[in-house]
N, C-alpha and C. Protein backbone atom coordinates (compact mmCIF):
# COMPACT_ATOMS: atom_id res chain seq x y z
N UNK A 1 92.80 127.50 52.25
CA UNK A 1 92.44 127.86 51.26
C UNK A 1 93.59 127.55 50.30
N UNK A 2 93.09 126.86 48.89
CA UNK A 2 94.34 126.46 48.14
C UNK A 2 95.20 127.60 47.45
N UNK A 3 96.47 127.42 47.42
CA UNK A 3 97.50 128.16 46.93
C UNK A 3 96.97 128.88 45.68
N UNK A 4 96.40 128.38 44.83
CA UNK A 4 96.08 129.08 43.33
C UNK A 4 94.98 130.01 43.70
N UNK A 5 94.14 129.78 44.74
CA UNK A 5 93.08 130.67 44.98
C UNK A 5 93.74 132.01 45.82
N UNK A 6 94.70 131.46 46.22
CA UNK A 6 95.24 132.71 47.32
C UNK A 6 96.08 133.58 46.45
N UNK A 7 96.87 133.14 45.43
CA UNK A 7 97.60 133.58 44.52
C UNK A 7 96.70 134.55 43.72
N UNK A 8 95.68 134.38 43.18
CA UNK A 8 94.54 135.13 42.76
C UNK A 8 94.15 136.20 43.34
N UNK A 9 93.92 135.99 44.75
CA UNK A 9 93.29 137.08 45.63
C UNK A 9 94.56 137.96 45.95
N UNK A 10 95.67 137.83 45.43
CA UNK A 10 96.85 138.77 45.96
C UNK A 10 97.07 139.60 44.59
N UNK A 11 96.42 139.54 43.84
CA UNK A 11 96.37 140.15 42.50
C UNK A 11 95.64 141.53 42.95
N UNK A 12 96.71 142.67 42.63
CA UNK A 12 96.15 143.96 42.99
C UNK A 12 96.31 144.97 41.97
N UNK A 13 95.85 146.13 41.95
CA UNK A 13 96.10 147.20 41.14
C UNK A 13 97.48 147.89 41.20
N UNK A 14 97.90 147.95 42.52
CA UNK A 14 99.52 148.18 42.67
C UNK A 14 100.14 146.96 42.37
N UNK A 15 101.09 147.24 41.47
CA UNK A 15 102.32 146.22 41.21
C UNK A 15 103.20 145.93 42.72
N UNK A 16 103.54 146.99 43.49
CA UNK A 16 104.22 146.95 44.60
C UNK A 16 103.44 145.98 45.47
N UNK A 17 102.24 146.19 45.76
CA UNK A 17 101.53 145.63 46.62
C UNK A 17 101.31 144.31 46.23
N UNK A 18 101.07 143.92 45.20
CA UNK A 18 100.84 142.59 44.71
C UNK A 18 102.15 141.92 45.04
N UNK A 19 103.38 142.25 44.50
CA UNK A 19 104.69 141.80 45.05
C UNK A 19 104.87 141.53 46.21
N UNK A 20 104.51 142.37 47.13
CA UNK A 20 104.66 141.92 48.66
C UNK A 20 103.79 140.77 49.00
N UNK A 21 102.36 140.98 48.64
CA UNK A 21 101.75 139.75 49.22
C UNK A 21 102.10 138.47 48.28
N UNK A 22 102.56 138.55 47.35
CA UNK A 22 103.14 137.33 46.43
C UNK A 22 104.35 136.58 47.19
N UNK A 23 105.35 137.61 47.71
CA UNK A 23 106.49 137.48 48.45
C UNK A 23 106.35 136.59 49.48
N UNK A 24 105.31 137.03 50.33
CA UNK A 24 104.88 136.65 51.77
C UNK A 24 104.35 135.09 51.44
N UNK A 25 103.32 134.89 50.27
CA UNK A 25 102.56 133.65 50.08
C UNK A 25 103.58 132.71 49.75
N UNK A 26 104.64 133.18 48.95
CA UNK A 26 105.52 132.01 48.64
C UNK A 26 106.64 131.61 49.63
N UNK A 27 107.15 132.82 50.34
CA UNK A 27 108.25 132.22 51.28
C UNK A 27 107.84 132.06 52.67
N UNK A 28 106.65 132.57 53.28
CA UNK A 28 106.35 132.47 54.69
C UNK A 28 104.98 131.51 54.92
N UNK A 29 103.88 131.84 54.02
CA UNK A 29 102.70 131.47 54.32
C UNK A 29 102.64 129.83 54.48
N UNK A 30 103.52 129.01 53.41
CA UNK A 30 103.56 127.34 53.68
C UNK A 30 103.89 127.13 54.89
N UNK A 31 104.68 127.78 55.83
CA UNK A 31 105.21 127.50 57.06
C UNK A 31 104.56 128.01 58.21
N UNK A 32 103.40 128.81 58.03
CA UNK A 32 102.75 129.49 59.01
C UNK A 32 101.86 128.83 59.68
N UNK A 33 101.57 129.14 61.07
CA UNK A 33 100.61 128.43 61.50
C UNK A 33 99.16 128.71 61.12
N UNK A 34 98.10 127.89 61.55
CA UNK A 34 96.49 128.08 61.10
C UNK A 34 96.34 129.59 61.67
N UNK A 35 96.64 130.20 62.54
CA UNK A 35 96.24 131.45 63.05
C UNK A 35 96.60 132.47 61.96
N UNK A 36 98.02 132.51 61.70
CA UNK A 36 98.81 133.12 60.79
C UNK A 36 97.93 133.20 59.55
N UNK A 37 97.88 131.96 58.96
CA UNK A 37 97.36 131.84 57.73
C UNK A 37 95.93 132.36 57.65
N UNK A 38 95.14 132.21 58.38
CA UNK A 38 93.80 132.89 58.56
C UNK A 38 93.81 134.49 58.90
N UNK A 39 95.10 134.87 59.25
CA UNK A 39 95.14 136.53 59.35
C UNK A 39 95.61 137.03 57.95
N UNK A 40 96.22 136.11 57.35
CA UNK A 40 96.79 136.77 55.88
C UNK A 40 95.48 136.51 54.97
N UNK A 41 94.56 135.50 55.18
CA UNK A 41 93.19 135.46 54.51
C UNK A 41 92.10 136.81 54.69
N UNK A 42 92.47 137.28 56.02
CA UNK A 42 91.44 138.26 56.36
C UNK A 42 92.20 139.61 56.09
N UNK A 43 93.55 139.52 56.01
CA UNK A 43 93.99 140.72 55.17
C UNK A 43 93.67 141.15 53.97
N UNK A 44 93.86 139.67 53.12
CA UNK A 44 93.44 140.08 51.61
C UNK A 44 91.98 140.63 51.54
N UNK A 45 91.07 140.47 52.68
CA UNK A 45 89.60 140.99 52.58
C UNK A 45 89.59 142.59 52.73
N UNK A 46 90.66 143.09 53.12
CA UNK A 46 90.72 144.83 53.23
C UNK A 46 90.46 145.30 52.00
N UNK A 47 89.97 146.51 52.16
CA UNK A 47 89.91 147.21 50.87
C UNK A 47 91.28 147.71 50.40
N UNK A 48 91.36 147.60 48.97
CA UNK A 48 92.62 147.98 48.51
C UNK A 48 93.47 149.20 49.24
N UNK A 49 92.89 150.29 49.32
CA UNK A 49 93.54 151.62 49.79
C UNK A 49 93.82 151.16 51.30
N UNK A 50 93.05 150.67 52.03
CA UNK A 50 93.47 150.13 53.41
C UNK A 50 94.62 149.24 53.52
N UNK A 51 94.56 148.05 52.65
CA UNK A 51 95.68 147.23 52.66
C UNK A 51 97.01 148.00 52.26
N UNK A 52 97.02 148.75 51.41
CA UNK A 52 98.17 149.36 50.88
C UNK A 52 98.88 150.20 52.07
N UNK A 53 97.82 150.92 52.75
CA UNK A 53 98.41 151.95 53.76
C UNK A 53 99.18 150.97 55.19
N UNK A 54 98.13 149.87 55.02
CA UNK A 54 98.73 149.02 56.26
C UNK A 54 100.07 148.15 56.01
N UNK A 55 100.33 147.95 54.51
CA UNK A 55 101.45 147.06 54.11
C UNK A 55 102.74 148.11 54.02
N UNK A 56 102.41 149.47 53.63
CA UNK A 56 103.44 150.53 53.46
C UNK A 56 103.83 150.97 54.55
N UNK A 57 103.15 150.77 55.99
CA UNK A 57 103.17 151.37 57.05
C UNK A 57 102.88 152.89 57.12
N UNK A 58 101.65 153.26 56.30
CA UNK A 58 101.19 154.64 56.24
C UNK A 58 99.77 154.77 57.08
N UNK A 59 99.61 155.72 57.85
CA UNK A 59 98.45 156.03 58.28
C UNK A 59 97.46 156.50 57.65
N UNK A 60 96.16 156.55 58.05
CA UNK A 60 95.00 157.18 57.44
C UNK A 60 95.49 158.76 56.95
N UNK A 61 94.76 158.87 55.73
CA UNK A 61 94.79 160.53 55.19
C UNK A 61 94.38 161.44 56.23
N UNK A 62 95.17 162.50 56.34
CA UNK A 62 94.78 163.68 57.35
C UNK A 62 93.31 163.71 57.18
N UNK A 63 92.72 163.74 58.56
CA UNK A 63 91.33 164.17 58.75
C UNK A 63 90.36 162.78 58.29
N UNK A 64 90.87 161.78 57.95
CA UNK A 64 90.08 160.58 57.68
C UNK A 64 90.30 159.67 58.80
N UNK A 65 89.26 159.15 59.49
CA UNK A 65 89.43 158.22 60.77
C UNK A 65 89.03 156.93 60.02
N UNK A 66 89.92 156.02 60.64
CA UNK A 66 89.75 154.63 60.15
C UNK A 66 89.64 153.89 61.54
N UNK A 67 88.93 152.61 61.45
CA UNK A 67 89.06 151.87 62.72
C UNK A 67 90.52 151.26 62.79
N UNK A 68 91.11 151.01 64.08
CA UNK A 68 92.42 150.55 64.30
C UNK A 68 92.54 148.94 63.65
N UNK A 69 93.63 148.63 63.14
CA UNK A 69 93.96 147.60 62.77
C UNK A 69 94.13 146.59 63.67
N UNK A 70 93.44 145.37 63.75
CA UNK A 70 93.71 144.41 64.83
C UNK A 70 95.14 143.94 64.77
N UNK A 71 95.76 143.45 66.00
CA UNK A 71 96.96 143.35 66.30
C UNK A 71 97.68 142.24 65.35
N UNK A 72 96.75 141.23 65.29
CA UNK A 72 97.45 140.14 64.31
C UNK A 72 97.67 140.68 62.94
N UNK A 73 96.85 141.55 62.59
CA UNK A 73 96.94 142.06 61.07
C UNK A 73 98.10 143.00 61.16
N UNK A 74 98.36 143.77 62.23
CA UNK A 74 99.58 144.53 62.05
C UNK A 74 100.79 143.68 62.09
N UNK A 75 100.96 142.82 63.08
CA UNK A 75 101.96 142.11 63.20
C UNK A 75 102.41 141.23 61.87
N UNK A 76 101.11 140.81 61.21
CA UNK A 76 101.60 140.29 59.65
C UNK A 76 101.89 141.09 58.86
N UNK A 77 101.45 142.37 58.83
CA UNK A 77 101.89 143.53 57.62
C UNK A 77 103.23 143.44 58.02
N UNK A 78 104.01 143.57 59.06
CA UNK A 78 105.33 143.45 59.32
C UNK A 78 106.03 142.45 58.66
N UNK A 79 105.46 141.38 59.01
CA UNK A 79 105.98 140.14 58.33
C UNK A 79 106.08 140.05 56.84
N UNK A 80 105.06 140.49 56.19
CA UNK A 80 104.87 140.65 54.62
C UNK A 80 105.88 141.62 54.27
N UNK A 81 106.16 142.72 54.85
CA UNK A 81 107.35 143.77 54.53
C UNK A 81 108.76 143.00 54.65
N UNK A 82 108.84 142.17 55.65
CA UNK A 82 110.09 141.46 55.66
C UNK A 82 110.41 140.46 54.75
N UNK A 83 109.39 139.66 54.18
CA UNK A 83 109.58 138.87 53.13
C UNK A 83 109.81 139.42 52.09
N UNK A 84 109.20 140.62 51.82
CA UNK A 84 109.48 141.39 50.56
C UNK A 84 110.76 141.69 50.50
N UNK A 85 111.02 142.38 51.43
CA UNK A 85 112.60 142.94 51.43
C UNK A 85 113.70 142.08 51.44
N UNK A 86 113.21 140.71 52.01
CA UNK A 86 114.21 139.80 52.14
C UNK A 86 114.77 139.04 50.72
N UNK A 87 113.97 139.81 49.68
CA UNK A 87 114.55 139.12 48.45
C UNK A 87 113.32 139.08 47.39
N UNK A 88 112.28 139.84 47.56
CA UNK A 88 111.32 139.93 46.49
C UNK A 88 110.43 140.97 46.00
C-alpha cells in the first residue's frame, strides 16, 4: 500500500493515537519486512476503541469481553509505542 494512503489511514480521532501511528509509519515501516507491514495494515483496520487500548497497553473495560489480539499485532503495538517514545 502506498505511503500517502497509509498516512491517511493513520488519521484518528485521538491526536495521541494518530501521532503514535505516524511515528511508526515514518521511522520503522519503510524498513519493516512484508509480514510486519501487513500486520500494520491489519492493525489500522481495528475499531478505534480497540486500537487505542492496544497501543496504550490497556485491557478491555471491566465486564467487557474482547477476542484476544493476535501475537503479531501485540508485538507490533510494542514497536509502535517504542517508535513514538523514541522521539515522536
